[in-house]
Amino acid sequence: MNYKDALIIKLKTYKREDIIITDHAQTQAIFRGIDFDEIKENIINPKRLYYAKKQAAEKENEEKYDCYFDYGKKQCQRYILVVNGKCIVCTVIKINRRWQSLIEKNAKI
């Protein structure tokens, strides 16, 4: 199930200072050449959000999402986000291949 629309509503409530990028996500972003401002912009203005899948969260008051932000048919950015009082970016991945078919076969869009 695609949680994109529900997640967009939640993400639009956050401000830049509400977004926390974990040490792991920072390391991955630097390694993959993704700018921190770009990550925060994608979250507060989620116009590129293409697909969001809900995952099991560790704590009861959290929601965890596997998110794909569209940059064209050959590139996207994948974030693992935990949403509670703040928006925590756990992981950042840049995917440089045909990714839409991977999503479309696992979800009805």
PDB file of N, CA and C in Angstrom:
ATOM      1  N   MET A   1       0.840  -1.181   0.000  1.00  0.00           N
ATOM      2  CA  MET A   1       0.000   0.000   0.000  1.00  0.00           C
ATOM      3  C   MET A   1       0.886   1.246   0.000  1.00  0.00           C
ATOM      4  N   ASN A   2       0.521   2.217  -0.805  1.00  0.00           N
ATOM      5  CA  ASN A   2       1.276   3.457  -0.904  1.00  0.00           C
ATOM      6  C   ASN A   2       0.727   4.474   0.101  1.00  0.00           C
ATOM      7  N   TYR A   3       1.556   4.864   1.046  1.00  0.00           N
ATOM      8  CA  TYR A   3       1.185   5.828   2.087  1.00  0.00           C
ATOM      9  C   TYR A   3       1.595   7.249   1.704  1.00  0.00           C
ATOM     10  N   LYS A   4       1.872   7.473   0.436  1.00  0.00           N
ATOM     11  CA  LYS A   4       2.390   8.751  -0.053  1.00  0.00           C
ATOM     12  C   LYS A   4       1.530   9.936   0.381  1.00  0.00           C
ATOM     13  N   ASP A   5       0.241   9.895   0.099  1.00  0.00           N
ATOM     14  CA  ASP A   5      -0.628  11.039   0.385  1.00  0.00           C
ATOM     15  C   ASP A   5      -0.707  11.343   1.878  1.00  0.00           C
ATOM     16  N   ALA A   6      -0.815  10.303   2.693  1.00  0.00           N
ATOM     17  CA  ALA A   6      -0.873  10.506   4.147  1.00  0.00           C
ATOM     18  C   ALA A   6       0.444  11.069   4.672  1.00  0.00           C
ATOM     19  N   LEU A   7       1.548  10.595   4.132  1.00  0.00           N
ATOM     20  CA  LEU A   7       2.851  11.079   4.582  1.00  0.00           C
ATOM     21  C   LEU A   7       3.098  12.516   4.142  1.00  0.00           C
ATOM     22  N   ILE A   8       2.666  12.880   2.958  1.00  0.00           N
ATOM     23  CA  ILE A   8       2.831  14.266   2.485  1.00  0.00           C
ATOM     24  C   ILE A   8       2.170  15.239   3.452  1.00  0.00           C
ATOM     25  N   ILE A   9       0.975  14.910   3.914  1.00  0.00           N
ATOM     26  CA  ILE A   9       0.269  15.769   4.868  1.00  0.00           C
ATOM     27  C   ILE A   9       1.095  15.931   6.143  1.00  0.00           C
ATOM     28  N   LYS A  10       1.680  14.842   6.640  1.00  0.00           N
ATOM     29  CA  LYS A  10       2.489  14.910   7.859  1.00  0.00           C
ATOM     30  C   LYS A  10       3.773  15.695   7.633  1.00  0.00           C
ATOM     31  N   LEU A  11       4.439  15.450   6.508  1.00  0.00           N
ATOM     32  CA  LEU A  11       5.722  16.113   6.261  1.00  0.00           C
ATOM     33  C   LEU A  11       5.578  17.616   6.110  1.00  0.00           C
ATOM     34  N   LYS A  12       4.463  18.066   5.562  1.00  0.00           N
ATOM     35  CA  LYS A  12       4.260  19.503   5.363  1.00  0.00           C
ATOM     36  C   LYS A  12       4.131  20.272   6.678  1.00  0.00           C
ATOM     37  N   THR A  13       3.934  19.581   7.791  1.00  0.00           N
ATOM     38  CA  THR A  13       3.825  20.239   9.090  1.00  0.00           C
ATOM     39  C   THR A  13       5.194  20.520   9.713  1.00  0.00           C
ATOM     40  N   TYR A  14       6.242  19.927   9.166  1.00  0.00           N
ATOM     41  CA  TYR A  14       7.582  20.088   9.729  1.00  0.00           C
ATOM     42  C   TYR A  14       8.290  21.310   9.166  1.00  0.00           C
ATOM     43  N   LYS A  15       9.176  21.866   9.983  1.00  0.00           N
ATOM     44  CA  LYS A  15      10.057  22.955   9.578  1.00  0.00           C
ATOM     45  C   LYS A  15      11.478  22.383   9.517  1.00  0.00           C
ATOM     46  N   ARG A  16      12.381  23.123   8.933  1.00  0.00           N
ATOM     47  CA  ARG A  16      13.773  22.647   8.794  1.00  0.00           C
ATOM     48  C   ARG A  16      14.372  22.234  10.139  1.00  0.00           C
ATOM     49  N   GLU A  17      14.088  23.003  11.184  1.00  0.00           N
ATOM     50  CA  GLU A  17      14.672  22.691  12.494  1.00  0.00           C
ATOM     51  C   GLU A  17      14.056  21.448  13.141  1.00  0.00           C
ATOM     52  N   ASP A  18      12.939  20.950  12.604  1.00  0.00           N
ATOM     53  CA  ASP A  18      12.301  19.728  13.114  1.00  0.00           C
ATOM     54  C   ASP A  18      12.880  18.465  12.481  1.00  0.00           C
ATOM     55  N   ILE A  19      13.775  18.616  11.520  1.00  0.00           N
ATOM     56  CA  ILE A  19      14.332  17.472  10.801  1.00  0.00           C
ATOM     57  C   ILE A  19      15.699  17.140  11.385  1.00  0.00           C
ATOM     58  N   ILE A  20      15.837  15.901  11.825  1.00  0.00           N
ATOM     59  CA  ILE A  20      17.090  15.429  12.417  1.00  0.00           C
ATOM     60  C   ILE A  20      17.677  14.379  11.474  1.00  0.00           C
ATOM     61  N   ILE A  21      18.901  14.611  11.057  1.00  0.00           N
ATOM     62  CA  ILE A  21      19.595  13.658  10.199  1.00  0.00           C
ATOM     63  C   ILE A  21      20.595  12.912  11.078  1.00  0.00           C
ATOM     64  N   THR A  22      20.418  11.605  11.200  1.00  0.00           N
ATOM     65  CA  THR A  22      21.279  10.804  12.072  1.00  0.00           C
ATOM     66  C   THR A  22      22.707  10.782  11.540  1.00  0.00           C
ATOM     67  N   ASP A  23      23.633  10.381  12.400  1.00  0.00           N
ATOM     68  CA  ASP A  23      25.037  10.278  11.989  1.00  0.00           C
ATOM     69  C   ASP A  23      25.183   9.321  10.806  1.00  0.00           C
ATOM     70  N   HIS A  24      24.467   8.210  10.860  1.00  0.00           N
ATOM     71  CA  HIS A  24      24.528   7.235   9.762  1.00  0.00           C
ATOM     72  C   HIS A  24      24.051   7.861   8.458  1.00  0.00           C
ATOM     73  N   ALA A  25      22.933   8.570   8.500  1.00  0.00           N
ATOM     74  CA  ALA A  25      22.390   9.198   7.291  1.00  0.00           C
ATOM     75  C   ALA A  25      23.343  10.290   6.783  1.00  0.00           C
ATOM     76  N   GLN A  26      23.978  11.032   7.693  1.00  0.00           N
ATOM     77  CA  GLN A  26      24.939  12.052   7.281  1.00  0.00           C
ATOM     78  C   GLN A  26      26.126  11.423   6.554  1.00  0.00           C
ATOM     79  N   THR A  27      26.641  10.341   7.114  1.00  0.00           N
ATOM     80  CA  THR A  27      27.764   9.643   6.486  1.00  0.00           C
ATOM     81  C   THR A  27      27.381   9.137   5.106  1.00  0.00           C
ATOM     82  N   GLN A  28      26.192   8.536   4.999  1.00  0.00           N
ATOM     83  CA  GLN A  28      25.735   8.015   3.712  1.00  0.00           C
ATOM     84  C   GLN A  28      25.506   9.132   2.698  1.00  0.00           C
ATOM     85  N   ALA A  29      24.974  10.256   3.144  1.00  0.00           N
ATOM     86  CA  ALA A  29      24.728  11.387   2.247  1.00  0.00           C
ATOM     87  C   ALA A  29      26.047  11.939   1.704  1.00  0.00           C
ATOM     88  N   ILE A  30      27.028  12.079   2.570  1.00  0.00           N
ATOM     89  CA  ILE A  30      28.338  12.575   2.127  1.00  0.00           C
ATOM     90  C   ILE A  30      28.957  11.592   1.137  1.00  0.00           C
ATOM     91  N   PHE A  31      28.925  10.318   1.458  1.00  0.00           N
ATOM     92  CA  PHE A  31      29.494   9.288   0.597  1.00  0.00           C
ATOM     93  C   PHE A  31      28.821   9.262  -0.777  1.00  0.00           C
ATOM     94  N   ARG A  32      27.515   9.503  -0.802  1.00  0.00           N
ATOM     95  CA  ARG A  32      26.746   9.427  -2.052  1.00  0.00           C
ATOM     96  C   ARG A  32      26.546  10.775  -2.735  1.00  0.00           C
ATOM     97  N   GLY A  33      27.114  11.824  -2.185  1.00  0.00           N
ATOM     98  CA  GLY A  33      27.040  13.140  -2.812  1.00  0.00           C
ATOM     99  C   GLY A  33      25.666  13.784  -2.749  1.00  0.00           C
ATOM    100  N   ILE A  34      24.964  13.590  -1.636  1.00  0.00           N
ATOM    101  CA  ILE A  34      23.643  14.188  -1.448  1.00  0.00           C
ATOM    102  C   ILE A  34      23.770  15.314  -0.423  1.00  0.00           C
ATOM    103  N   ASP A  35      23.296  16.469  -0.777  1.00  0.00           N
ATOM    104  CA  ASP A  35      23.381  17.650   0.075  1.00  0.00           C
ATOM    105  C   ASP A  35      22.337  17.589   1.193  1.00  0.00           C
ATOM    106  N   PHE A  36      22.714  17.982   2.408  1.00  0.00           N
ATOM    107  CA  PHE A  36      21.785  17.973   3.547  1.00  0.00           C
ATOM    108  C   PHE A  36      20.597  18.898   3.304  1.00  0.00           C
ATOM    109  N   ASP A  37      20.846  20.048   2.674  1.00  0.00           N
ATOM    110  CA  ASP A  37      19.750  20.978   2.379  1.00  0.00           C
ATOM    111  C   ASP A  37      18.748  20.357   1.406  1.00  0.00           C
ATOM    112  N   GLU A  38      19.248  19.568   0.471  1.00  0.00           N
ATOM    113  CA  GLU A  38      18.370  18.870  -0.480  1.00  0.00           C
ATOM    114  C   GLU A  38      17.473  17.862   0.241  1.00  0.00           C
ATOM    115  N   ILE A  39      18.026  17.159   1.195  1.00  0.00           N
ATOM    116  CA  ILE A  39      17.248  16.191   1.986  1.00  0.00           C
ATOM    117  C   ILE A  39      16.145  16.918   2.736  1.00  0.00           C
ATOM    118  N   LYS A  40      16.504  17.995   3.413  1.00  0.00           N
ATOM    119  CA  LYS A  40      15.515  18.750   4.192  1.00  0.00           C
ATOM    120  C   LYS A  40      14.456  19.368   3.288  1.00  0.00           C
ATOM    121  N   GLU A  41      14.854  19.859   2.130  1.00  0.00           N
ATOM    122  CA  GLU A  41      13.899  20.438   1.185  1.00  0.00           C
ATOM    123  C   GLU A  41      12.920  19.379   0.680  1.00  0.00           C
ATOM    124  N   ASN A  42      13.402  18.178   0.400  1.00  0.00           N
ATOM    125  CA  ASN A  42      12.519  17.100  -0.039  1.00  0.00           C
ATOM    126  C   ASN A  42      11.495  16.742   1.045  1.00  0.00           C
ATOM    127  N   ILE A  43      11.877  16.889   2.296  1.00  0.00           N
ATOM    128  CA  ILE A  43      10.964  16.551   3.386  1.00  0.00           C
ATOM    129  C   ILE A  43       9.941  17.654   3.625  1.00  0.00           C
ATOM    130  N   ILE A  44      10.377  18.904   3.698  1.00  0.00           N
ATOM    131  CA  ILE A  44       9.408  19.973   3.992  1.00  0.00           C
ATOM    132  C   ILE A  44       8.576  20.353   2.776  1.00  0.00           C
ATOM    133  N   ASN A  45       9.063  20.053   1.591  1.00  0.00           N
ATOM    134  CA  ASN A  45       8.323  20.303   0.356  1.00  0.00           C
ATOM    135  C   ASN A  45       8.339  19.006  -0.460  1.00  0.00           C
ATOM    136  N   PRO A  46       7.479  18.037  -0.087  1.00  0.00           N
ATOM    137  CA  PRO A  46       7.571  16.684  -0.649  1.00  0.00           C
ATOM    138  C   PRO A  46       6.956  16.501  -2.043  1.00  0.00           C
ATOM    139  N   LYS A  47       7.176  17.460  -2.929  1.00  0.00           N
ATOM    140  CA  LYS A  47       6.615  17.344  -4.284  1.00  0.00           C
ATOM    141  C   LYS A  47       7.245  16.192  -5.066  1.00  0.00           C
ATOM    142  N   ARG A  48       8.459  15.780  -4.718  1.00  0.00           N
ATOM    143  CA  ARG A  48       9.130  14.676  -5.404  1.00  0.00           C
ATOM    144  C   ARG A  48       8.782  13.302  -4.829  1.00  0.00           C
ATOM    145  N   LEU A  49       8.083  13.265  -3.702  1.00  0.00           N
ATOM    146  CA  LEU A  49       7.753  11.982  -3.077  1.00  0.00           C
ATOM    147  C   LEU A  49       6.885  11.166  -4.022  1.00  0.00           C
ATOM    148  N   TYR A  50       7.387  10.009  -4.398  1.00  0.00           N
ATOM    149  CA  TYR A  50       6.708   9.148  -5.364  1.00  0.00           C
ATOM    150  C   TYR A  50       6.022   7.971  -4.673  1.00  0.00           C
ATOM    151  N   TYR A  51       6.678   7.440  -3.678  1.00  0.00           N
ATOM    152  CA  TYR A  51       6.167   6.237  -3.022  1.00  0.00           C
ATOM    153  C   TYR A  51       6.621   6.228  -1.569  1.00  0.00           C
ATOM    154  N   ALA A  52       5.739   5.803  -0.676  1.00  0.00           N
ATOM    155  CA  ALA A  52       6.075   5.655   0.739  1.00  0.00           C
ATOM    156  C   ALA A  52       5.437   4.377   1.262  1.00  0.00           C
ATOM    157  N   LYS A  53       6.256   3.551   1.873  1.00  0.00           N
ATOM    158  CA  LYS A  53       5.782   2.290   2.446  1.00  0.00           C
ATOM    159  C   LYS A  53       6.005   2.345   3.954  1.00  0.00           C
ATOM    160  N   LYS A  54       4.965   2.009   4.688  1.00  0.00           N
ATOM    161  CA  LYS A  54       5.061   2.023   6.142  1.00  0.00           C
ATOM    162  C   LYS A  54       5.822   0.782   6.606  1.00  0.00           C
ATOM    163  N   GLN A  55       6.688   0.983   7.596  1.00  0.00           N
ATOM    164  CA  GLN A  55       7.443  -0.113   8.181  1.00  0.00           C
ATOM    165  C   GLN A  55       7.131  -0.207   9.663  1.00  0.00           C
ATOM    166  N   ALA A  56       7.528  -1.313  10.255  1.00  0.00           N
ATOM    167  CA  ALA A  56       7.343  -1.479  11.696  1.00  0.00           C
ATOM    168  C   ALA A  56       8.304  -0.544  12.432  1.00  0.00           C
ATOM    169  N   ALA A  57       7.773   0.230  13.358  1.00  0.00           N
ATOM    170  CA  ALA A  57       8.587   1.162  14.144  1.00  0.00           C
ATOM    171  C   ALA A  57       9.011   0.494  15.448  1.00  0.00           C
ATOM    172  N   GLU A  58      10.113   0.965  16.004  1.00  0.00           N
ATOM    173  CA  GLU A  58      10.628   0.390  17.248  1.00  0.00           C
ATOM    174  C   GLU A  58       9.824   0.821  18.465  1.00  0.00           C
ATOM    175  N   LYS A  59       9.320   2.056  18.451  1.00  0.00           N
ATOM    176  CA  LYS A  59       8.574   2.581  19.591  1.00  0.00           C
ATOM    177  C   LYS A  59       7.114   2.758  19.209  1.00  0.00           C
ATOM    178  N   GLU A  60       6.272   2.754  20.207  1.00  0.00           N
ATOM    179  CA  GLU A  60       4.826   2.798  19.992  1.00  0.00           C
ATOM    180  C   GLU A  60       4.344   4.117  19.385  1.00  0.00           C
ATOM    181  N   ASN A  61       4.944   5.231  19.752  1.00  0.00           N
ATOM    182  CA  ASN A  61       4.475   6.539  19.285  1.00  0.00           C
ATOM    183  C   ASN A  61       5.177   7.005  18.009  1.00  0.00           C
ATOM    184  N   GLU A  62       5.861   6.101  17.321  1.00  0.00           N
ATOM    185  CA  GLU A  62       6.575   6.446  16.100  1.00  0.00           C
ATOM    186  C   GLU A  62       5.921   5.810  14.878  1.00  0.00           C
ATOM    187  N   GLU A  63       6.154   6.426  13.741  1.00  0.00           N
ATOM    188  CA  GLU A  63       5.782   5.844  12.457  1.00  0.00           C
ATOM    189  C   GLU A  63       7.040   5.849  11.608  1.00  0.00           C
ATOM    190  N   LYS A  64       7.304   4.739  10.936  1.00  0.00           N
ATOM    191  CA  LYS A  64       8.512   4.605  10.142  1.00  0.00           C
ATOM    192  C   LYS A  64       8.127   4.368   8.690  1.00  0.00           C
ATOM    193  N   TYR A  65       8.794   5.073   7.766  1.00  0.00           N
ATOM    194  CA  TYR A  65       8.459   4.988   6.347  1.00  0.00           C
ATOM    195  C   TYR A  65       9.710   4.793   5.499  1.00  0.00           C
ATOM    196  N   ASP A  66       9.561   3.993   4.474  1.00  0.00           N
ATOM    197  CA  ASP A  66      10.560   3.800   3.429  1.00  0.00           C
ATOM    198  C   ASP A  66      10.079   4.652   2.255  1.00  0.00           C
ATOM    199  N   CYS A  67      10.788   5.740   1.929  1.00  0.00           N
ATOM    200  CA  CYS A  67      10.306   6.749   0.982  1.00  0.00           C
ATOM    201  C   CYS A  67      11.199   6.839  -0.250  1.00  0.00           C
ATOM    202  N   TYR A  68      10.571   7.023  -1.391  1.00  0.00           N
ATOM    203  CA  TYR A  68      11.283   7.201  -2.654  1.00  0.00           C
ATOM    204  C   TYR A  68      10.930   8.573  -3.229  1.00  0.00           C
ATOM    205  N   PHE A  69      11.965   9.381  -3.472  1.00  0.00           N
ATOM    206  CA  PHE A  69      11.791  10.707  -4.048  1.00  0.00           C
ATOM    207  C   PHE A  69      12.275  10.661  -5.495  1.00  0.00           C
ATOM    208  N   ASP A  70      11.411  11.025  -6.408  1.00  0.00           N
ATOM    209  CA  ASP A  70      11.614  10.872  -7.844  1.00  0.00           C
ATOM    210  C   ASP A  70      12.496  11.978  -8.425  1.00  0.00           C
ATOM    211  N   TYR A  71      13.534  11.568  -9.132  1.00  0.00           N
ATOM    212  CA  TYR A  71      14.391  12.473  -9.888  1.00  0.00           C
ATOM    213  C   TYR A  71      14.446  12.053 -11.350  1.00  0.00           C
ATOM    214  N   GLY A  72      13.452  11.332 -11.822  1.00  0.00           N
ATOM    215  CA  GLY A  72      13.416  10.823 -13.189  1.00  0.00           C
ATOM    216  C   GLY A  72      13.425   9.308 -13.182  1.00  0.00           C
ATOM    217  N   LYS A  73      13.303   8.714 -14.363  1.00  0.00           N
ATOM    218  CA  LYS A  73      13.203   7.253 -14.450  1.00  0.00           C
ATOM    219  C   LYS A  73      14.493   6.530 -14.092  1.00  0.00           C
ATOM    220  N   LYS A  74      15.606   7.231 -14.133  1.00  0.00           N
ATOM    221  CA  LYS A  74      16.875   6.560 -13.861  1.00  0.00           C
ATOM    222  C   LYS A  74      17.494   6.946 -12.523  1.00  0.00           C
ATOM    223  N   GLN A  75      16.857   7.828 -11.793  1.00  0.00           N
ATOM    224  CA  GLN A  75      17.437   8.227 -10.517  1.00  0.00           C
ATOM    225  C   GLN A  75      16.357   8.560  -9.495  1.00  0.00           C
ATOM    226  N   CYS A  76      16.598   8.150  -8.264  1.00  0.00           N
ATOM    227  CA  CYS A  76      15.742   8.549  -7.153  1.00  0.00           C
ATOM    228  C   CYS A  76      16.586   8.570  -5.890  1.00  0.00           C
ATOM    229  N   GLN A  77      16.013   9.137  -4.852  1.00  0.00           N
ATOM    230  CA  GLN A  77      16.636   9.090  -3.545  1.00  0.00           C
ATOM    231  C   GLN A  77      15.685   8.366  -2.609  1.00  0.00           C
ATOM    232  N   ARG A  78      16.238   7.467  -1.836  1.00  0.00           N
ATOM    233  CA  ARG A  78      15.450   6.680  -0.893  1.00  0.00           C
ATOM    234  C   ARG A  78      15.848   7.085   0.517  1.00  0.00           C
ATOM    235  N   TYR A  79      14.839   7.441   1.308  1.00  0.00           N
ATOM    236  CA  TYR A  79      15.070   7.817   2.698  1.00  0.00           C
ATOM    237  C   TYR A  79      14.262   6.878   3.587  1.00  0.00           C
ATOM    238  N   ILE A  80      14.839   6.539   4.718  1.00  0.00           N
ATOM    239  CA  ILE A  80      14.078   5.882   5.779  1.00  0.00           C
ATOM    240  C   ILE A  80      13.825   6.966   6.820  1.00  0.00           C
ATOM    241  N   LEU A  81      12.540   7.262   7.038  1.00  0.00           N
ATOM    242  CA  LEU A  81      12.142   8.337   7.944  1.00  0.00           C
ATOM    243  C   LEU A  81      11.383   7.773   9.134  1.00  0.00           C
ATOM    244  N   VAL A  82      11.654   8.312  10.293  1.00  0.00           N
ATOM    245  CA  VAL A  82      10.865   8.024  11.494  1.00  0.00           C
ATOM    246  C   VAL A  82      10.161   9.329  11.849  1.00  0.00           C
ATOM    247  N   VAL A  83       8.850   9.256  11.955  1.00  0.00           N
ATOM    248  CA  VAL A  83       8.038  10.437  12.216  1.00  0.00           C
ATOM    249  C   VAL A  83       7.417  10.304  13.604  1.00  0.00           C
ATOM    250  N   ASN A  84       7.743  11.248  14.469  1.00  0.00           N
ATOM    251  CA  ASN A  84       7.069  11.391  15.763  1.00  0.00           C
ATOM    252  C   ASN A  84       6.998  12.890  15.998  1.00  0.00           C
ATOM    253  N   GLY A  85       7.450  13.429  17.097  1.00  0.00           N
ATOM    254  CA  GLY A  85       7.462  14.873  17.280  1.00  0.00           C
ATOM    255  C   GLY A  85       8.397  15.573  16.309  1.00  0.00           C
ATOM    256  N   LYS A  86       9.419  14.885  15.908  1.00  0.00           N
ATOM    257  CA  LYS A  86      10.393  15.366  14.930  1.00  0.00           C
ATOM    258  C   LYS A  86      10.384  14.399  13.739  1.00  0.00           C
ATOM    259  N   CYS A  87      11.058  14.780  12.677  1.00  0.00           N
ATOM    260  CA  CYS A  87      11.232  13.891  11.535  1.00  0.00           C
ATOM    261  C   CYS A  87      12.691  13.457  11.533  1.00  0.00           C
ATOM    262  N   ILE A  88      12.933  12.191  11.768  1.00  0.00           N
ATOM    263  CA  ILE A  88      14.287  11.664  11.878  1.00  0.00           C
ATOM    264  C   ILE A  88      14.634  10.927  10.588  1.00  0.00           C
ATOM    265  N   VAL A  89      15.712  11.359   9.941  1.00  0.00           N
ATOM    266  CA  VAL A  89      16.193  10.707   8.719  1.00  0.00           C
ATOM    267  C   VAL A  89      17.214   9.668   9.159  1.00  0.00           C
ATOM    268  N   CYS A  90      16.870   8.386   9.009  1.00  0.00           N
ATOM    269  CA  CYS A  90      17.730   7.299   9.471  1.00  0.00           C
ATOM    270  C   CYS A  90      18.754   6.887   8.421  1.00  0.00           C
ATOM    271  N   THR A  91      18.334   6.893   7.165  1.00  0.00           N
ATOM    272  CA  THR A  91      19.197   6.454   6.072  1.00  0.00           C
ATOM    273  C   THR A  91      18.871   7.225   4.813  1.00  0.00           C
ATOM    274  N   VAL A  92      19.896   7.454   4.001  1.00  0.00           N
ATOM    275  CA  VAL A  92      19.755   8.134   2.716  1.00  0.00           C
ATOM    276  C   VAL A  92      20.483   7.295   1.666  1.00  0.00           C
ATOM    277  N   ILE A  93      19.790   6.998   0.579  1.00  0.00           N
ATOM    278  CA  ILE A  93      20.378   6.195  -0.497  1.00  0.00           C
ATOM    279  C   ILE A  93      20.057   6.857  -1.827  1.00  0.00           C
ATOM    280  N   LYS A  94      21.049   6.959  -2.695  1.00  0.00           N
ATOM    281  CA  LYS A  94      20.831   7.457  -4.050  1.00  0.00           C
ATOM    282  C   LYS A  94      20.806   6.238  -4.969  1.00  0.00           C
ATOM    283  N   ILE A  95      19.743   6.108  -5.741  1.00  0.00           N
ATOM    284  CA  ILE A  95      19.596   4.971  -6.636  1.00  0.00           C
ATOM    285  C   ILE A  95      19.717   5.466  -8.071  1.00  0.00           C
ATOM    286  N   ASN A  96      20.712   4.976  -8.777  1.00  0.00           N
ATOM    287  CA  ASN A  96      20.984   5.394 -10.147  1.00  0.00           C
ATOM    288  C   ASN A  96      20.693   4.256 -11.127  1.00  0.00           C
ATOM    289  N   ARG A  97      19.487   3.804 -11.181  1.00  0.00           N
ATOM    290  CA  ARG A  97      19.086   2.762 -12.120  1.00  0.00           C
ATOM    291  C   ARG A  97      17.586   2.822 -12.305  1.00  0.00           C
ATOM    292  N   ARG A  98      17.091   2.001 -13.139  1.00  0.00           N
ATOM    293  CA  ARG A  98      15.656   1.972 -13.375  1.00  0.00           C
ATOM    294  C   ARG A  98      14.973   1.420 -12.127  1.00  0.00           C
ATOM    295  N   TRP A  99      14.371   2.281 -11.353  1.00  0.00           N
ATOM    296  CA  TRP A  99      13.843   1.906 -10.046  1.00  0.00           C
ATOM    297  C   TRP A  99      12.332   1.781 -10.026  1.00  0.00           C
ATOM    298  N   GLN A 100      11.640   2.425 -10.945  1.00  0.00           N
ATOM    299  CA  GLN A 100      10.179   2.422 -10.877  1.00  0.00           C
ATOM    300  C   GLN A 100       9.596   1.019 -10.964  1.00  0.00           C
ATOM    301  N   SER A 101      10.181   0.162 -11.785  1.00  0.00           N
ATOM    302  CA  SER A 101       9.642  -1.199 -11.918  1.00  0.00           C
ATOM    303  C   SER A 101       9.750  -1.961 -10.603  1.00  0.00           C
ATOM    304  N   LEU A 102      10.789  -1.676  -9.813  1.00  0.00           N
ATOM    305  CA  LEU A 102      10.930  -2.327  -8.512  1.00  0.00           C
ATOM    306  C   LEU A 102       9.772  -1.966  -7.582  1.00  0.00           C
ATOM    307  N   ILE A 103       9.380  -0.709  -7.604  1.00  0.00           N
ATOM    308  CA  ILE A 103       8.280  -0.246  -6.765  1.00  0.00           C
ATOM    309  C   ILE A 103       6.949  -0.756  -7.298  1.00  0.00           C
ATOM    310  N   GLU A 104       6.757  -0.626  -8.597  1.00  0.00           N
ATOM    311  CA  GLU A 104       5.468  -0.955  -9.187  1.00  0.00           C
ATOM    312  C   GLU A 104       5.119  -2.426  -9.035  1.00  0.00           C
ATOM    313  N   LYS A 105       6.103  -3.318  -9.020  1.00  0.00           N
ATOM    314  CA  LYS A 105       5.772  -4.733  -8.864  1.00  0.00           C
ATOM    315  C   LYS A 105       5.447  -5.101  -7.425  1.00  0.00           C
ATOM    316  N   ASN A 106       5.839  -4.211  -6.479  1.00  0.00           N
ATOM    317  CA  ASN A 106       5.573  -4.481  -5.056  1.00  0.00           C
ATOM    318  C   ASN A 106       4.382  -3.702  -4.513  1.00  0.00           C
ATOM    319  N   ALA A 107       3.843  -2.806  -5.301  1.00  0.00           N
ATOM    320  CA  ALA A 107       2.736  -1.977  -4.805  1.00  0.00           C
ATOM    321  C   ALA A 107       1.816  -1.590  -5.952  1.00  0.00           C
ATOM    322  N   LYS A 108       0.580  -1.439  -5.634  1.00  0.00           N
ATOM    323  CA  LYS A 108      -0.381  -0.959  -6.618  1.00  0.00           C
ATOM    324  C   LYS A 108      -0.452   0.559  -6.489  1.00  0.00           C
ATOM    325  N   ILE A 109      -0.048   1.246  -7.557  1.00  0.00           N
ATOM    326  CA  ILE A 109      -0.007   2.712  -7.528  1.00  0.00           C
ATOM    327  C   ILE A 109      -1.118   3.259  -8.383  1.00  0.00           C
TER     328      ILE A 109
END
